[in-house]
Amino acid sequence: MNILDEVVTKLKGGFDKLSAEERQYYFAHLKQMEGKPVDLNSFRTFIIGLKDGIGRELVEAKEGTDKSLMLKARLKNIFVLEQFLYGPERAKKAIERYYHGLSEKLDAKQV
């Protein structure tokens, strides 16, 4: 028995005693509770979707309006968040490229 069933049993005496509207809420909450947990990849996908949506709105917004300024600020915030998400990964790849290039130069000098 999950926590939702426990509450329904304590408050209403069981699922069978719920009204049609209460059953809708029950199933909506149950779906949320059983949903896939948020992980880093789903959050990255969400950020990409936000960035695309803001970009589309910004293209259509008239330049110099409050809306365009607000959208630019939101987009800048998304870029900062994206750097936070991808920064360590990008730094690792940059370091790997650097040492790979250095290793190739050292190999070339030894030949």
PDB file of N, CA and C in Angstrom:
ATOM      1  N   MET A   1       0.853  -1.178   0.000  1.00  0.00           N
ATOM      2  CA  MET A   1       0.000   0.000   0.000  1.00  0.00           C
ATOM      3  C   MET A   1       0.896   1.238   0.000  1.00  0.00           C
ATOM      4  N   ASN A   2       0.667   2.150  -0.932  1.00  0.00           N
ATOM      5  CA  ASN A   2       1.456   3.381  -0.982  1.00  0.00           C
ATOM      6  C   ASN A   2       0.843   4.440  -0.078  1.00  0.00           C
ATOM      7  N   ILE A   3       1.545   5.541   0.096  1.00  0.00           N
ATOM      8  CA  ILE A   3       1.105   6.601   1.002  1.00  0.00           C
ATOM      9  C   ILE A   3      -0.229   7.195   0.568  1.00  0.00           C
ATOM     10  N   LEU A   4      -0.458   7.278  -0.733  1.00  0.00           N
ATOM     11  CA  LEU A   4      -1.717   7.825  -1.245  1.00  0.00           C
ATOM     12  C   LEU A   4      -2.890   6.929  -0.833  1.00  0.00           C
ATOM     13  N   ASP A   5      -2.721   5.618  -0.958  1.00  0.00           N
ATOM     14  CA  ASP A   5      -3.770   4.691  -0.539  1.00  0.00           C
ATOM     15  C   ASP A   5      -4.024   4.776   0.962  1.00  0.00           C
ATOM     16  N   GLU A   6      -2.964   4.957   1.725  1.00  0.00           N
ATOM     17  CA  GLU A   6      -3.123   5.092   3.177  1.00  0.00           C
ATOM     18  C   GLU A   6      -3.970   6.314   3.521  1.00  0.00           C
ATOM     19  N   VAL A   7      -3.698   7.423   2.866  1.00  0.00           N
ATOM     20  CA  VAL A   7      -4.449   8.655   3.127  1.00  0.00           C
ATOM     21  C   VAL A   7      -5.903   8.482   2.705  1.00  0.00           C
ATOM     22  N   VAL A   8      -6.129   7.888   1.539  1.00  0.00           N
ATOM     23  CA  VAL A   8      -7.497   7.675   1.053  1.00  0.00           C
ATOM     24  C   VAL A   8      -8.259   6.775   2.025  1.00  0.00           C
ATOM     25  N   THR A   9      -7.610   5.745   2.518  1.00  0.00           N
ATOM     26  CA  THR A   9      -8.253   4.845   3.465  1.00  0.00           C
ATOM     27  C   THR A   9      -8.594   5.562   4.767  1.00  0.00           C
ATOM     28  N   LYS A  10      -7.668   6.363   5.262  1.00  0.00           N
ATOM     29  CA  LYS A  10      -7.911   7.083   6.520  1.00  0.00           C
ATOM     30  C   LYS A  10      -8.982   8.157   6.370  1.00  0.00           C
ATOM     31  N   LEU A  11      -8.976   8.871   5.250  1.00  0.00           N
ATOM     32  CA  LEU A  11      -9.920   9.977   5.081  1.00  0.00           C
ATOM     33  C   LEU A  11     -11.292   9.537   4.579  1.00  0.00           C
ATOM     34  N   LYS A  12     -11.308   8.575   3.670  1.00  0.00           N
ATOM     35  CA  LYS A  12     -12.569   8.221   3.002  1.00  0.00           C
ATOM     36  C   LYS A  12     -13.024   6.783   3.264  1.00  0.00           C
ATOM     37  N   GLY A  13     -12.145   5.966   3.812  1.00  0.00           N
ATOM     38  CA  GLY A  13     -12.516   4.568   4.040  1.00  0.00           C
ATOM     39  C   GLY A  13     -12.172   3.660   2.877  1.00  0.00           C
ATOM     40  N   GLY A  14     -11.418   4.164   1.899  1.00  0.00           N
ATOM     41  CA  GLY A  14     -10.984   3.335   0.774  1.00  0.00           C
ATOM     42  C   GLY A  14     -11.304   3.962  -0.573  1.00  0.00           C
ATOM     43  N   PHE A  15     -10.685   3.411  -1.600  1.00  0.00           N
ATOM     44  CA  PHE A  15     -10.818   3.921  -2.967  1.00  0.00           C
ATOM     45  C   PHE A  15     -12.272   3.887  -3.445  1.00  0.00           C
ATOM     46  N   ASP A  16     -13.001   2.846  -3.090  1.00  0.00           N
ATOM     47  CA  ASP A  16     -14.381   2.678  -3.558  1.00  0.00           C
ATOM     48  C   ASP A  16     -15.301   3.803  -3.102  1.00  0.00           C
ATOM     49  N   LYS A  17     -14.923   4.501  -2.069  1.00  0.00           N
ATOM     50  CA  LYS A  17     -15.778   5.566  -1.531  1.00  0.00           C
ATOM     51  C   LYS A  17     -15.441   6.946  -2.084  1.00  0.00           C
ATOM     52  N   LEU A  18     -14.494   7.018  -3.019  1.00  0.00           N
ATOM     53  CA  LEU A  18     -14.132   8.292  -3.632  1.00  0.00           C
ATOM     54  C   LEU A  18     -15.166   8.685  -4.682  1.00  0.00           C
ATOM     55  N   SER A  19     -15.407   9.985  -4.811  1.00  0.00           N
ATOM     56  CA  SER A  19     -16.282  10.485  -5.872  1.00  0.00           C
ATOM     57  C   SER A  19     -15.526  10.432  -7.200  1.00  0.00           C
ATOM     58  N   ALA A  20     -16.229  10.679  -8.286  1.00  0.00           N
ATOM     59  CA  ALA A  20     -15.593  10.672  -9.610  1.00  0.00           C
ATOM     60  C   ALA A  20     -14.480  11.717  -9.684  1.00  0.00           C
ATOM     61  N   GLU A  21     -14.737  12.904  -9.145  1.00  0.00           N
ATOM     62  CA  GLU A  21     -13.729  13.962  -9.155  1.00  0.00           C
ATOM     63  C   GLU A  21     -12.524  13.580  -8.298  1.00  0.00           C
ATOM     64  N   GLU A  22     -12.771  12.986  -7.152  1.00  0.00           N
ATOM     65  CA  GLU A  22     -11.675  12.559  -6.271  1.00  0.00           C
ATOM     66  C   GLU A  22     -10.853  11.458  -6.924  1.00  0.00           C
ATOM     67  N   ARG A  23     -11.508  10.602  -7.692  1.00  0.00           N
ATOM     68  CA  ARG A  23     -10.771   9.544  -8.405  1.00  0.00           C
ATOM     69  C   ARG A  23      -9.856  10.144  -9.479  1.00  0.00           C
ATOM     70  N   GLN A  24     -10.320  11.208 -10.128  1.00  0.00           N
ATOM     71  CA  GLN A  24      -9.468  11.882 -11.112  1.00  0.00           C
ATOM     72  C   GLN A  24      -8.203  12.395 -10.441  1.00  0.00           C
ATOM     73  N   TYR A  25      -8.377  13.063  -9.292  1.00  0.00           N
ATOM     74  CA  TYR A  25      -7.217  13.555  -8.550  1.00  0.00           C
ATOM     75  C   TYR A  25      -6.327  12.409  -8.094  1.00  0.00           C
ATOM     76  N   TYR A  26      -6.961  11.341  -7.643  1.00  0.00           N
ATOM     77  CA  TYR A  26      -6.206  10.169  -7.189  1.00  0.00           C
ATOM     78  C   TYR A  26      -5.310   9.651  -8.314  1.00  0.00           C
ATOM     79  N   PHE A  27      -5.911   9.434  -9.486  1.00  0.00           N
ATOM     80  CA  PHE A  27      -5.131   8.889 -10.607  1.00  0.00           C
ATOM     81  C   PHE A  27      -4.065   9.871 -11.095  1.00  0.00           C
ATOM     82  N   ALA A  28      -4.358  11.160 -11.079  1.00  0.00           N
ATOM     83  CA  ALA A  28      -3.366  12.166 -11.473  1.00  0.00           C
ATOM     84  C   ALA A  28      -2.183  12.143 -10.505  1.00  0.00           C
ATOM     85  N   HIS A  29      -2.472  12.063  -9.216  1.00  0.00           N
ATOM     86  CA  HIS A  29      -1.386  12.027  -8.221  1.00  0.00           C
ATOM     87  C   HIS A  29      -0.631  10.707  -8.284  1.00  0.00           C
ATOM     88  N   LEU A  30      -1.349   9.631  -8.515  1.00  0.00           N
ATOM     89  CA  LEU A  30      -0.700   8.325  -8.640  1.00  0.00           C
ATOM     90  C   LEU A  30       0.257   8.311  -9.828  1.00  0.00           C
ATOM     91  N   LYS A  31      -0.180   8.912 -10.924  1.00  0.00           N
ATOM     92  CA  LYS A  31       0.678   8.981 -12.122  1.00  0.00           C
ATOM     93  C   LYS A  31       1.948   9.774 -11.825  1.00  0.00           C
ATOM     94  N   GLN A  32       1.807  10.883 -11.094  1.00  0.00           N
ATOM     95  CA  GLN A  32       2.972  11.684 -10.720  1.00  0.00           C
ATOM     96  C   GLN A  32       3.906  10.899  -9.807  1.00  0.00           C
ATOM     97  N   MET A  33       3.340  10.176  -8.860  1.00  0.00           N
ATOM     98  CA  MET A  33       4.149   9.419  -7.908  1.00  0.00           C
ATOM     99  C   MET A  33       4.895   8.278  -8.583  1.00  0.00           C
ATOM    100  N   GLU A  34       4.291   7.696  -9.611  1.00  0.00           N
ATOM    101  CA  GLU A  34       4.911   6.573 -10.297  1.00  0.00           C
ATOM    102  C   GLU A  34       5.762   7.009 -11.478  1.00  0.00           C
ATOM    103  N   GLY A  35       5.798   8.307 -11.717  1.00  0.00           N
ATOM    104  CA  GLY A  35       6.555   8.834 -12.847  1.00  0.00           C
ATOM    105  C   GLY A  35       8.048   8.605 -12.702  1.00  0.00           C
ATOM    106  N   LYS A  36       8.689   8.737 -13.800  1.00  0.00           N
ATOM    107  CA  LYS A  36      10.132   8.560 -13.855  1.00  0.00           C
ATOM    108  C   LYS A  36      10.810   9.690 -13.077  1.00  0.00           C
ATOM    109  N   PRO A  37      11.753   9.362 -12.200  1.00  0.00           N
ATOM    110  CA  PRO A  37      12.434  10.427 -11.458  1.00  0.00           C
ATOM    111  C   PRO A  37      13.308  11.284 -12.386  1.00  0.00           C
ATOM    112  N   VAL A  38      13.483  12.507 -11.987  1.00  0.00           N
ATOM    113  CA  VAL A  38      14.300  13.426 -12.771  1.00  0.00           C
ATOM    114  C   VAL A  38      15.757  13.026 -12.616  1.00  0.00           C
ATOM    115  N   ASP A  39      16.449  12.900 -13.740  1.00  0.00           N
ATOM    116  CA  ASP A  39      17.885  12.637 -13.705  1.00  0.00           C
ATOM    117  C   ASP A  39      18.591  13.723 -14.513  1.00  0.00           C
ATOM    118  N   LEU A  40      19.891  13.673 -14.537  1.00  0.00           N
ATOM    119  CA  LEU A  40      20.677  14.715 -15.197  1.00  0.00           C
ATOM    120  C   LEU A  40      20.364  14.809 -16.679  1.00  0.00           C
ATOM    121  N   ASN A  41      20.212  13.681 -17.347  1.00  0.00           N
ATOM    122  CA  ASN A  41      19.921  13.712 -18.795  1.00  0.00           C
ATOM    123  C   ASN A  41      18.548  14.302 -19.090  1.00  0.00           C
ATOM    124  N   SER A  42      17.538  13.959 -18.278  1.00  0.00           N
ATOM    125  CA  SER A  42      16.212  14.533 -18.529  1.00  0.00           C
ATOM    126  C   SER A  42      16.218  16.029 -18.230  1.00  0.00           C
ATOM    127  N   PHE A  43      17.013  16.454 -17.248  1.00  0.00           N
ATOM    128  CA  PHE A  43      17.119  17.875 -16.943  1.00  0.00           C
ATOM    129  C   PHE A  43      17.819  18.609 -18.083  1.00  0.00           C
ATOM    130  N   ARG A  44      18.846  17.999 -18.655  1.00  0.00           N
ATOM    131  CA  ARG A  44      19.535  18.608 -19.801  1.00  0.00           C
ATOM    132  C   ARG A  44      18.582  18.746 -20.986  1.00  0.00           C
ATOM    133  N   THR A  45      17.785  17.731 -21.222  1.00  0.00           N
ATOM    134  CA  THR A  45      16.804  17.785 -22.304  1.00  0.00           C
ATOM    135  C   THR A  45      15.789  18.895 -22.050  1.00  0.00           C
ATOM    136  N   PHE A  46      15.371  19.044 -20.806  1.00  0.00           N
ATOM    137  CA  PHE A  46      14.442  20.106 -20.434  1.00  0.00           C
ATOM    138  C   PHE A  46      15.054  21.476 -20.707  1.00  0.00           C
ATOM    139  N   ILE A  47      16.324  21.661 -20.376  1.00  0.00           N
ATOM    140  CA  ILE A  47      17.024  22.935 -20.591  1.00  0.00           C
ATOM    141  C   ILE A  47      17.108  23.241 -22.084  1.00  0.00           C
ATOM    142  N   ILE A  48      17.389  22.241 -22.890  1.00  0.00           N
ATOM    143  CA  ILE A  48      17.448  22.438 -24.345  1.00  0.00           C
ATOM    144  C   ILE A  48      16.085  22.889 -24.865  1.00  0.00           C
ATOM    145  N   GLY A  49      15.021  22.276 -24.376  1.00  0.00           N
ATOM    146  CA  GLY A  49      13.676  22.672 -24.777  1.00  0.00           C
ATOM    147  C   GLY A  49      13.350  24.107 -24.372  1.00  0.00           C
ATOM    148  N   LEU A  50      13.753  24.490 -23.158  1.00  0.00           N
ATOM    149  CA  LEU A  50      13.553  25.870 -22.710  1.00  0.00           C
ATOM    150  C   LEU A  50      14.285  26.850 -23.611  1.00  0.00           C
ATOM    151  N   LYS A  51      15.534  26.526 -23.903  1.00  0.00           N
ATOM    152  CA  LYS A  51      16.360  27.401 -24.737  1.00  0.00           C
ATOM    153  C   LYS A  51      15.746  27.565 -26.122  1.00  0.00           C
ATOM    154  N   ASP A  52      15.278  26.488 -26.696  1.00  0.00           N
ATOM    155  CA  ASP A  52      14.643  26.555 -28.021  1.00  0.00           C
ATOM    156  C   ASP A  52      13.373  27.389 -27.984  1.00  0.00           C
ATOM    157  N   GLY A  53      12.566  27.181 -26.948  1.00  0.00           N
ATOM    158  CA  GLY A  53      11.316  27.936 -26.823  1.00  0.00           C
ATOM    159  C   GLY A  53      11.567  29.428 -26.662  1.00  0.00           C
ATOM    160  N   ILE A  54      12.522  29.771 -25.831  1.00  0.00           N
ATOM    161  CA  ILE A  54      12.856  31.184 -25.632  1.00  0.00           C
ATOM    162  C   ILE A  54      13.408  31.784 -26.917  1.00  0.00           C
ATOM    163  N   GLY A  55      14.234  31.028 -27.617  1.00  0.00           N
ATOM    164  CA  GLY A  55      14.791  31.499 -28.878  1.00  0.00           C
ATOM    165  C   GLY A  55      13.713  31.797 -29.910  1.00  0.00           C
ATOM    166  N   ARG A  56      12.726  30.908 -30.000  1.00  0.00           N
ATOM    167  CA  ARG A  56      11.617  31.130 -30.949  1.00  0.00           C
ATOM    168  C   ARG A  56      10.837  32.382 -30.585  1.00  0.00           C
ATOM    169  N   GLU A  57      10.561  32.558 -29.289  1.00  0.00           N
ATOM    170  CA  GLU A  57       9.832  33.754 -28.854  1.00  0.00           C
ATOM    171  C   GLU A  57      10.642  35.017 -29.109  1.00  0.00           C
ATOM    172  N   LEU A  58      11.938  34.937 -28.890  1.00  0.00           N
ATOM    173  CA  LEU A  58      12.807  36.097 -29.069  1.00  0.00           C
ATOM    174  C   LEU A  58      12.866  36.531 -30.523  1.00  0.00           C
ATOM    175  N   VAL A  59      12.878  35.574 -31.429  1.00  0.00           N
ATOM    176  CA  VAL A  59      12.901  35.885 -32.860  1.00  0.00           C
ATOM    177  C   VAL A  59      11.646  36.656 -33.257  1.00  0.00           C
ATOM    178  N   GLU A  60      10.527  36.326 -32.645  1.00  0.00           N
ATOM    179  CA  GLU A  60       9.265  36.973 -32.993  1.00  0.00           C
ATOM    180  C   GLU A  60       9.022  38.276 -32.237  1.00  0.00           C
ATOM    181  N   ALA A  61       9.745  38.500 -31.138  1.00  0.00           N
ATOM    182  CA  ALA A  61       9.535  39.705 -30.327  1.00  0.00           C
ATOM    183  C   ALA A  61      10.169  40.915 -31.009  1.00  0.00           C
ATOM    184  N   LYS A  62       9.496  42.035 -30.898  1.00  0.00           N
ATOM    185  CA  LYS A  62      10.009  43.272 -31.471  1.00  0.00           C
ATOM    186  C   LYS A  62      11.222  43.732 -30.652  1.00  0.00           C
ATOM    187  N   GLU A  63      12.287  44.073 -31.349  1.00  0.00           N
ATOM    188  CA  GLU A  63      13.537  44.493 -30.709  1.00  0.00           C
ATOM    189  C   GLU A  63      13.327  45.747 -29.863  1.00  0.00           C
ATOM    190  N   GLY A  64      13.927  45.749 -28.684  1.00  0.00           N
ATOM    191  CA  GLY A  64      13.884  46.919 -27.815  1.00  0.00           C
ATOM    192  C   GLY A  64      12.661  47.004 -26.911  1.00  0.00           C
ATOM    193  N   THR A  65      11.761  46.035 -27.022  1.00  0.00           N
ATOM    194  CA  THR A  65      10.581  46.036 -26.155  1.00  0.00           C
ATOM    195  C   THR A  65      10.918  45.363 -24.830  1.00  0.00           C
ATOM    196  N   ASP A  66      10.035  45.579 -23.864  1.00  0.00           N
ATOM    197  CA  ASP A  66      10.224  44.918 -22.564  1.00  0.00           C
ATOM    198  C   ASP A  66      10.250  43.403 -22.723  1.00  0.00           C
ATOM    199  N   LYS A  67       9.400  42.907 -23.623  1.00  0.00           N
ATOM    200  CA  LYS A  67       9.352  41.462 -23.844  1.00  0.00           C
ATOM    201  C   LYS A  67      10.682  40.941 -24.375  1.00  0.00           C
ATOM    202  N   SER A  68      11.284  41.644 -25.329  1.00  0.00           N
ATOM    203  CA  SER A  68      12.557  41.175 -25.881  1.00  0.00           C
ATOM    204  C   SER A  68      13.657  41.229 -24.821  1.00  0.00           C
ATOM    205  N   LEU A  69      13.637  42.252 -23.980  1.00  0.00           N
ATOM    206  CA  LEU A  69      14.626  42.341 -22.906  1.00  0.00           C
ATOM    207  C   LEU A  69      14.443  41.212 -21.894  1.00  0.00           C
ATOM    208  N   MET A  70      13.186  40.922 -21.558  1.00  0.00           N
ATOM    209  CA  MET A  70      12.904  39.837 -20.627  1.00  0.00           C
ATOM    210  C   MET A  70      13.349  38.492 -21.204  1.00  0.00           C
ATOM    211  N   LEU A  71      13.063  38.277 -22.483  1.00  0.00           N
ATOM    212  CA  LEU A  71      13.452  37.022 -23.124  1.00  0.00           C
ATOM    213  C   LEU A  71      14.967  36.880 -23.185  1.00  0.00           C
ATOM    214  N   LYS A  72      15.666  37.992 -23.476  1.00  0.00           N
ATOM    215  CA  LYS A  72      17.129  37.948 -23.497  1.00  0.00           C
ATOM    216  C   LYS A  72      17.685  37.613 -22.119  1.00  0.00           C
ATOM    217  N   ALA A  73      17.076  38.169 -21.075  1.00  0.00           N
ATOM    218  CA  ALA A  73      17.515  37.875 -19.713  1.00  0.00           C
ATOM    219  C   ALA A  73      17.277  36.405 -19.377  1.00  0.00           C
ATOM    220  N   ARG A  74      16.107  35.884 -19.762  1.00  0.00           N
ATOM    221  CA  ARG A  74      15.817  34.465 -19.522  1.00  0.00           C
ATOM    222  C   ARG A  74      16.799  33.572 -20.269  1.00  0.00           C
ATOM    223  N   LEU A  75      17.091  33.937 -21.512  1.00  0.00           N
ATOM    224  CA  LEU A  75      18.022  33.154 -22.314  1.00  0.00           C
ATOM    225  C   LEU A  75      19.418  33.173 -21.705  1.00  0.00           C
ATOM    226  N   LYS A  76      19.823  34.331 -21.217  1.00  0.00           N
ATOM    227  CA  LYS A  76      21.133  34.430 -20.568  1.00  0.00           C
ATOM    228  C   LYS A  76      21.181  33.539 -19.325  1.00  0.00           C
ATOM    229  N   ASN A  77      20.099  33.518 -18.551  1.00  0.00           N
ATOM    230  CA  ASN A  77      20.043  32.649 -17.379  1.00  0.00           C
ATOM    231  C   ASN A  77      20.144  31.176 -17.768  1.00  0.00           C
ATOM    232  N   ILE A  78      19.492  30.818 -18.864  1.00  0.00           N
ATOM    233  CA  ILE A  78      19.566  29.436 -19.346  1.00  0.00           C
ATOM    234  C   ILE A  78      20.992  29.104 -19.762  1.00  0.00           C
ATOM    235  N   PHE A  79      21.683  30.032 -20.418  1.00  0.00           N
ATOM    236  CA  PHE A  79      23.077  29.802 -20.805  1.00  0.00           C
ATOM    237  C   PHE A  79      23.954  29.572 -19.576  1.00  0.00           C
ATOM    238  N   VAL A  80      23.725  30.352 -18.528  1.00  0.00           N
ATOM    239  CA  VAL A  80      24.494  30.181 -17.291  1.00  0.00           C
ATOM    240  C   VAL A  80      24.219  28.807 -16.688  1.00  0.00           C
ATOM    241  N   LEU A  81      22.953  28.416 -16.652  1.00  0.00           N
ATOM    242  CA  LEU A  81      22.584  27.107 -16.127  1.00  0.00           C
ATOM    243  C   LEU A  81      23.194  25.992 -16.969  1.00  0.00           C
ATOM    244  N   GLU A  82      23.184  26.195 -18.263  1.00  0.00           N
ATOM    245  CA  GLU A  82      23.757  25.201 -19.172  1.00  0.00           C
ATOM    246  C   GLU A  82      25.261  25.056 -18.943  1.00  0.00           C
ATOM    247  N   GLN A  83      25.954  26.164 -18.724  1.00  0.00           N
ATOM    248  CA  GLN A  83      27.382  26.094 -18.424  1.00  0.00           C
ATOM    249  C   GLN A  83      27.622  25.322 -17.132  1.00  0.00           C
ATOM    250  N   PHE A  84      26.749  25.516 -16.156  1.00  0.00           N
ATOM    251  CA  PHE A  84      26.854  24.786 -14.899  1.00  0.00           C
ATOM    252  C   PHE A  84      26.688  23.288 -15.133  1.00  0.00           C
ATOM    253  N   LEU A  85      25.745  22.922 -16.012  1.00  0.00           N
ATOM    254  CA  LEU A  85      25.490  21.512 -16.284  1.00  0.00           C
ATOM    255  C   LEU A  85      26.600  20.862 -17.112  1.00  0.00           C
ATOM    256  N   TYR A  86      27.070  21.582 -18.117  1.00  0.00           N
ATOM    257  CA  TYR A  86      28.030  20.997 -19.057  1.00  0.00           C
ATOM    258  C   TYR A  86      29.477  21.395 -18.786  1.00  0.00           C
ATOM    259  N   GLY A  87      29.704  22.380 -17.938  1.00  0.00           N
ATOM    260  CA  GLY A  87      31.049  22.889 -17.691  1.00  0.00           C
ATOM    261  C   GLY A  87      32.066  21.823 -17.333  1.00  0.00           C
ATOM    262  N   PRO A  88      31.809  21.002 -16.309  1.00  0.00           N
ATOM    263  CA  PRO A  88      32.785  19.982 -15.932  1.00  0.00           C
ATOM    264  C   PRO A  88      33.077  18.998 -17.059  1.00  0.00           C
ATOM    265  N   GLU A  89      32.031  18.621 -17.796  1.00  0.00           N
ATOM    266  CA  GLU A  89      32.203  17.691 -18.913  1.00  0.00           C
ATOM    267  C   GLU A  89      33.048  18.323 -20.022  1.00  0.00           C
ATOM    268  N   ARG A  90      32.772  19.585 -20.330  1.00  0.00           N
ATOM    269  CA  ARG A  90      33.530  20.284 -21.368  1.00  0.00           C
ATOM    270  C   ARG A  90      34.974  20.502 -20.928  1.00  0.00           C
ATOM    271  N   ALA A  91      35.174  20.819 -19.654  1.00  0.00           N
ATOM    272  CA  ALA A  91      36.530  21.010 -19.140  1.00  0.00           C
ATOM    273  C   ALA A  91      37.325  19.712 -19.252  1.00  0.00           C
ATOM    274  N   LYS A  92      36.693  18.606 -18.911  1.00  0.00           N
ATOM    275  CA  LYS A  92      37.355  17.301 -19.006  1.00  0.00           C
ATOM    276  C   LYS A  92      37.771  17.014 -20.443  1.00  0.00           C
ATOM    277  N   LYS A  93      36.857  17.264 -21.393  1.00  0.00           N
ATOM    278  CA  LYS A  93      37.172  17.007 -22.803  1.00  0.00           C
ATOM    279  C   LYS A  93      38.290  17.922 -23.297  1.00  0.00           C
ATOM    280  N   ALA A  94      38.294  19.186 -22.857  1.00  0.00           N
ATOM    281  CA  ALA A  94      39.345  20.120 -23.263  1.00  0.00           C
ATOM    282  C   ALA A  94      40.697  19.663 -22.737  1.00  0.00           C
ATOM    283  N   ILE A  95      40.733  19.210 -21.507  1.00  0.00           N
ATOM    284  CA  ILE A  95      41.984  18.722 -20.918  1.00  0.00           C
ATOM    285  C   ILE A  95      42.456  17.472 -21.648  1.00  0.00           C
ATOM    286  N   GLU A  96      41.515  16.578 -21.953  1.00  0.00           N
ATOM    287  CA  GLU A  96      41.878  15.368 -22.697  1.00  0.00           C
ATOM    288  C   GLU A  96      42.434  15.717 -24.070  1.00  0.00           C
ATOM    289  N   ARG A  97      41.812  16.680 -24.778  1.00  0.00           N
ATOM    290  CA  ARG A  97      42.322  17.098 -26.097  1.00  0.00           C
ATOM    291  C   ARG A  97      43.722  17.692 -25.971  1.00  0.00           C
ATOM    292  N   TYR A  98      43.931  18.492 -24.932  1.00  0.00           N
ATOM    293  CA  TYR A  98      45.229  19.121 -24.724  1.00  0.00           C
ATOM    294  C   TYR A  98      46.308  18.055 -24.544  1.00  0.00           C
ATOM    295  N   TYR A  99      46.053  17.094 -23.653  1.00  0.00           N
ATOM    296  CA  TYR A  99      47.066  16.076 -23.396  1.00  0.00           C
ATOM    297  C   TYR A  99      47.221  15.116 -24.561  1.00  0.00           C
ATOM    298  N   HIS A 100      46.157  14.886 -25.304  1.00  0.00           N
ATOM    299  CA  HIS A 100      46.266  14.054 -26.501  1.00  0.00           C
ATOM    300  C   HIS A 100      47.172  14.749 -27.527  1.00  0.00           C
ATOM    301  N   GLY A 101      46.955  16.058 -27.719  1.00  0.00           N
ATOM    302  CA  GLY A 101      47.796  16.834 -28.640  1.00  0.00           C
ATOM    303  C   GLY A 101      49.239  16.880 -28.165  1.00  0.00           C
ATOM    304  N   LEU A 102      49.430  17.054 -26.873  1.00  0.00           N
ATOM    305  CA  LEU A 102      50.781  17.084 -26.300  1.00  0.00           C
ATOM    306  C   LEU A 102      51.472  15.747 -26.500  1.00  0.00           C
ATOM    307  N   SER A 103      50.735  14.668 -26.299  1.00  0.00           N
ATOM    308  CA  SER A 103      51.300  13.329 -26.485  1.00  0.00           C
ATOM    309  C   SER A 103      51.715  13.113 -27.936  1.00  0.00           C
ATOM    310  N   GLU A 104      50.892  13.574 -28.880  1.00  0.00           N
ATOM    311  CA  GLU A 104      51.229  13.442 -30.296  1.00  0.00           C
ATOM    312  C   GLU A 104      52.470  14.251 -30.642  1.00  0.00           C
ATOM    313  N   LYS A 105      52.631  15.448 -30.075  1.00  0.00           N
ATOM    314  CA  LYS A 105      53.826  16.274 -30.316  1.00  0.00           C
ATOM    315  C   LYS A 105      55.060  15.606 -29.765  1.00  0.00           C
ATOM    316  N   LEU A 106      54.944  14.990 -28.578  1.00  0.00           N
ATOM    317  CA  LEU A 106      56.084  14.311 -27.987  1.00  0.00           C
ATOM    318  C   LEU A 106      56.480  13.099 -28.810  1.00  0.00           C
ATOM    319  N   ASP A 107      55.480  12.382 -29.335  1.00  0.00           N
ATOM    320  CA  ASP A 107      55.733  11.221 -30.191  1.00  0.00           C
ATOM    321  C   ASP A 107      56.450  11.676 -31.470  1.00  0.00           C
ATOM    322  N   ALA A 108      56.034  12.787 -32.028  1.00  0.00           N
ATOM    323  CA  ALA A 108      56.634  13.284 -33.261  1.00  0.00           C
ATOM    324  C   ALA A 108      58.075  13.698 -33.040  1.00  0.00           C
ATOM    325  N   LYS A 109      58.386  14.251 -31.890  1.00  0.00           N
ATOM    326  CA  LYS A 109      59.764  14.662 -31.586  1.00  0.00           C
ATOM    327  C   LYS A 109      60.672  13.478 -31.374  1.00  0.00           C
ATOM    328  N   GLN A 110      60.151  12.375 -30.904  1.00  0.00           N
ATOM    329  CA  GLN A 110      60.974  11.203 -30.627  1.00  0.00           C
ATOM    330  C   GLN A 110      61.286  10.407 -31.881  1.00  0.00           C
ATOM    331  N   VAL A 111      60.541  10.652 -32.940  1.00  0.00           N
ATOM    332  CA  VAL A 111      60.748   9.893 -34.174  1.00  0.00           C
ATOM    333  C   VAL A 111      61.917  10.418 -34.944  1.00  0.00           C
TER     334      VAL A 111
END
